[in-house]
């Protein structure tokens, strides 16, 4: 049901570098007046929502408030291994969710947001 997500950032270049490094992707930055967006790549052949980093005075990063986004991964360990090198922090290491539900981990991005990772392996 999720069609789009937005992650608040204070420094677009710093956040862009973090997400590109952790997920091995390229984010394209677009300016819309006072609103700056860093779009995650979109592949219409794959399922799942896409979204954007957003820098604007109305968007406030938070470690505890707001929704928690789960990024799908082949193996959570791969992205976790890149977090510290991208100036982020592992909040919760890879943890088994339960029988048949895979694994998850929590990270803190460079902007202070809490983000989750999920994989079946």
C-alpha atoms as a PDB file:
ATOM      1  CA  UNK A   1       0.000   0.000   0.000  1.00  0.00           C
ATOM      2  CA  UNK A   2       2.921   2.387   0.477  1.00  0.00           C
ATOM      3  CA  UNK A   3       3.465   4.398  -2.682  1.00  0.00           C
ATOM      4  CA  UNK A   4       6.053   6.985  -1.633  1.00  0.00           C
ATOM      5  CA  UNK A   5       8.178   7.946   1.384  1.00  0.00           C
ATOM      6  CA  UNK A   6      10.136  11.032   2.386  1.00  0.00           C
ATOM      7  CA  UNK A   7      13.088  11.087   4.776  1.00  0.00           C
ATOM      8  CA  UNK A   8      13.824  14.472   6.406  1.00  0.00           C
ATOM      9  CA  UNK A   9      17.409  15.730   6.149  1.00  0.00           C
ATOM     10  CA  UNK A  10      19.324  18.792   7.322  1.00  0.00           C
ATOM     11  CA  UNK A  11      22.266  18.455   4.914  1.00  0.00           C
ATOM     12  CA  UNK A  12      21.371  16.990   1.504  1.00  0.00           C
ATOM     13  CA  UNK A  13      24.952  16.299   0.424  1.00  0.00           C
ATOM     14  CA  UNK A  14      25.786  14.491   3.669  1.00  0.00           C
ATOM     15  CA  UNK A  15      22.555  12.450   3.602  1.00  0.00           C
ATOM     16  CA  UNK A  16      22.963  11.654  -0.094  1.00  0.00           C
ATOM     17  CA  UNK A  17      26.499  10.380   0.511  1.00  0.00           C
ATOM     18  CA  UNK A  18      25.299   8.219   3.424  1.00  0.00           C
ATOM     19  CA  UNK A  19      22.441   6.503   1.570  1.00  0.00           C
ATOM     20  CA  UNK A  20      24.449   6.071  -1.622  1.00  0.00           C
ATOM     21  CA  UNK A  21      27.263   4.450   0.345  1.00  0.00           C
ATOM     22  CA  UNK A  22      25.110   2.159   2.503  1.00  0.00           C
ATOM     23  CA  UNK A  23      22.805   0.966  -0.300  1.00  0.00           C
ATOM     24  CA  UNK A  24      25.254   1.217  -3.230  1.00  0.00           C
ATOM     25  CA  UNK A  25      22.836   3.378  -5.248  1.00  0.00           C
ATOM     26  CA  UNK A  26      22.746   6.792  -6.917  1.00  0.00           C
ATOM     27  CA  UNK A  27      20.378   9.486  -5.647  1.00  0.00           C
ATOM     28  CA  UNK A  28      19.435  12.375  -7.951  1.00  0.00           C
ATOM     29  CA  UNK A  29      18.967  15.783  -6.305  1.00  0.00           C
ATOM     30  CA  UNK A  30      16.275  18.193  -7.503  1.00  0.00           C
ATOM     31  CA  UNK A  31      15.472  21.757  -6.409  1.00  0.00           C
ATOM     32  CA  UNK A  32      11.888  23.013  -6.123  1.00  0.00           C
ATOM     33  CA  UNK A  33      12.251  26.494  -4.687  1.00  0.00           C
ATOM     34  CA  UNK A  34      12.852  26.127  -0.940  1.00  0.00           C
ATOM     35  CA  UNK A  35      12.301  22.353  -1.204  1.00  0.00           C
ATOM     36  CA  UNK A  36      15.272  20.155  -2.049  1.00  0.00           C
ATOM     37  CA  UNK A  37      14.679  16.482  -2.855  1.00  0.00           C
ATOM     38  CA  UNK A  38      17.075  13.579  -3.325  1.00  0.00           C
ATOM     39  CA  UNK A  39      15.192  10.891  -5.241  1.00  0.00           C
ATOM     40  CA  UNK A  40      15.957   7.231  -4.620  1.00  0.00           C
ATOM     41  CA  UNK A  41      16.254   5.179  -7.824  1.00  0.00           C
ATOM     42  CA  UNK A  42      13.019   3.715  -9.147  1.00  0.00           C
ATOM     43  CA  UNK A  43      12.665   0.463 -11.075  1.00  0.00           C
ATOM     44  CA  UNK A  44       9.113  -0.056 -12.353  1.00  0.00           C
ATOM     45  CA  UNK A  45       9.921  -3.754 -12.861  1.00  0.00           C
ATOM     46  CA  UNK A  46      10.411  -4.248  -9.101  1.00  0.00           C
ATOM     47  CA  UNK A  47       7.856  -4.126  -6.312  1.00  0.00           C
ATOM     48  CA  UNK A  48       7.969  -1.720  -3.397  1.00  0.00           C
ATOM     49  CA  UNK A  49       7.717   2.001  -2.894  1.00  0.00           C
ATOM     50  CA  UNK A  50      10.333   4.540  -3.783  1.00  0.00           C
ATOM     51  CA  UNK A  51      10.897   7.879  -2.138  1.00  0.00           C
ATOM     52  CA  UNK A  52      13.090  10.841  -1.471  1.00  0.00           C
ATOM     53  CA  UNK A  53      15.378  12.578   0.946  1.00  0.00           C
ATOM     54  CA  UNK A  54      13.809  15.971   1.655  1.00  0.00           C
ATOM     55  CA  UNK A  55      15.393  19.173   2.950  1.00  0.00           C
ATOM     56  CA  UNK A  56      12.927  21.888   3.919  1.00  0.00           C
ATOM     57  CA  UNK A  57      12.197  23.879   7.083  1.00  0.00           C
ATOM     58  CA  UNK A  58       9.013  21.847   7.652  1.00  0.00           C
ATOM     59  CA  UNK A  59      10.910  18.506   7.677  1.00  0.00           C
ATOM     60  CA  UNK A  60      12.678  17.562  10.923  1.00  0.00           C
ATOM     61  CA  UNK A  61      14.840  14.427  11.268  1.00  0.00           C
ATOM     62  CA  UNK A  62      14.128  12.314  14.354  1.00  0.00           C
ATOM     63  CA  UNK A  63      15.527   9.225  16.011  1.00  0.00           C
ATOM     64  CA  UNK A  64      12.312   8.478  17.904  1.00  0.00           C
ATOM     65  CA  UNK A  65       9.347  10.284  16.306  1.00  0.00           C
ATOM     66  CA  UNK A  66       7.413   9.431  13.192  1.00  0.00           C
ATOM     67  CA  UNK A  67       7.157   6.285  11.065  1.00  0.00           C
ATOM     68  CA  UNK A  68       9.917   3.700  10.838  1.00  0.00           C
ATOM     69  CA  UNK A  69      10.901   2.817   7.268  1.00  0.00           C
ATOM     70  CA  UNK A  70      12.192  -0.676   6.475  1.00  0.00           C
ATOM     71  CA  UNK A  71      14.563  -0.962   3.517  1.00  0.00           C
ATOM     72  CA  UNK A  72      14.590  -4.413   1.900  1.00  0.00           C
ATOM     73  CA  UNK A  73      18.013  -6.010   1.444  1.00  0.00           C
ATOM     74  CA  UNK A  74      19.334  -9.345   0.208  1.00  0.00           C
ATOM     75  CA  UNK A  75      21.249  -9.695   3.491  1.00  0.00           C
ATOM     76  CA  UNK A  76      21.075  -7.054   6.246  1.00  0.00           C
ATOM     77  CA  UNK A  77      24.750  -7.724   7.055  1.00  0.00           C
ATOM     78  CA  UNK A  78      25.836  -6.206   3.720  1.00  0.00           C
ATOM     79  CA  UNK A  79      24.304  -2.795   4.407  1.00  0.00           C
ATOM     80  CA  UNK A  80      25.249  -2.926   8.101  1.00  0.00           C
ATOM     81  CA  UNK A  81      28.895  -3.361   7.110  1.00  0.00           C
ATOM     82  CA  UNK A  82      28.767   0.014   5.311  1.00  0.00           C
ATOM     83  CA  UNK A  83      27.003   2.097   7.988  1.00  0.00           C
ATOM     84  CA  UNK A  84      29.988   3.137  10.145  1.00  0.00           C
ATOM     85  CA  UNK A  85      32.094   3.972   7.081  1.00  0.00           C
ATOM     86  CA  UNK A  86      29.282   6.254   5.900  1.00  0.00           C
ATOM     87  CA  UNK A  87      29.254   8.084   9.281  1.00  0.00           C
ATOM     88  CA  UNK A  88      26.098   6.372  10.504  1.00  0.00           C
ATOM     89  CA  UNK A  89      25.515   4.237  13.580  1.00  0.00           C
ATOM     90  CA  UNK A  90      24.146   0.743  14.130  1.00  0.00           C
ATOM     91  CA  UNK A  91      21.436   1.014  16.815  1.00  0.00           C
ATOM     92  CA  UNK A  92      20.356  -2.640  16.769  1.00  0.00           C
ATOM     93  CA  UNK A  93      22.441  -5.339  15.082  1.00  0.00           C
ATOM     94  CA  UNK A  94      20.973  -7.976  12.791  1.00  0.00           C
ATOM     95  CA  UNK A  95      18.217  -9.691  14.752  1.00  0.00           C
ATOM     96  CA  UNK A  96      15.971 -12.594  13.780  1.00  0.00           C
ATOM     97  CA  UNK A  97      12.353 -11.428  13.727  1.00  0.00           C
ATOM     98  CA  UNK A  98      10.713 -14.800  14.096  1.00  0.00           C
ATOM     99  CA  UNK A  99      10.060 -18.021  12.297  1.00  0.00           C
ATOM    100  CA  UNK A 100       9.816 -17.274   8.587  1.00  0.00           C
ATOM    101  CA  UNK A 101       9.922 -13.474   8.907  1.00  0.00           C
ATOM    102  CA  UNK A 102      13.624 -12.964   8.316  1.00  0.00           C
ATOM    103  CA  UNK A 103      15.964 -10.502   9.977  1.00  0.00           C
ATOM    104  CA  UNK A 104      16.021  -6.806  10.785  1.00  0.00           C
ATOM    105  CA  UNK A 105      18.425  -4.170  12.065  1.00  0.00           C
ATOM    106  CA  UNK A 106      18.134  -0.510  13.056  1.00  0.00           C
ATOM    107  CA  UNK A 107      20.543   2.207  11.983  1.00  0.00           C
ATOM    108  CA  UNK A 108      20.878   5.941  12.598  1.00  0.00           C
ATOM    109  CA  UNK A 109      21.628   7.960   9.477  1.00  0.00           C
ATOM    110  CA  UNK A 110      23.814  11.072   9.346  1.00  0.00           C
ATOM    111  CA  UNK A 111      20.771  13.288   9.902  1.00  0.00           C
ATOM    112  CA  UNK A 112      19.606  11.597  13.096  1.00  0.00           C
ATOM    113  CA  UNK A 113      16.839   9.466  11.566  1.00  0.00           C
ATOM    114  CA  UNK A 114      16.158   5.903  12.661  1.00  0.00           C
ATOM    115  CA  UNK A 115      15.956   3.569   9.649  1.00  0.00           C
ATOM    116  CA  UNK A 116      15.347  -0.196   9.568  1.00  0.00           C
ATOM    117  CA  UNK A 117      16.816  -2.862   7.329  1.00  0.00           C
ATOM    118  CA  UNK A 118      15.067  -6.165   6.519  1.00  0.00           C
ATOM    119  CA  UNK A 119      16.147  -9.350   4.746  1.00  0.00           C
ATOM    120  CA  UNK A 120      15.160 -13.009   4.621  1.00  0.00           C
ATOM    121  CA  UNK A 121      18.806 -14.099   4.985  1.00  0.00           C
END
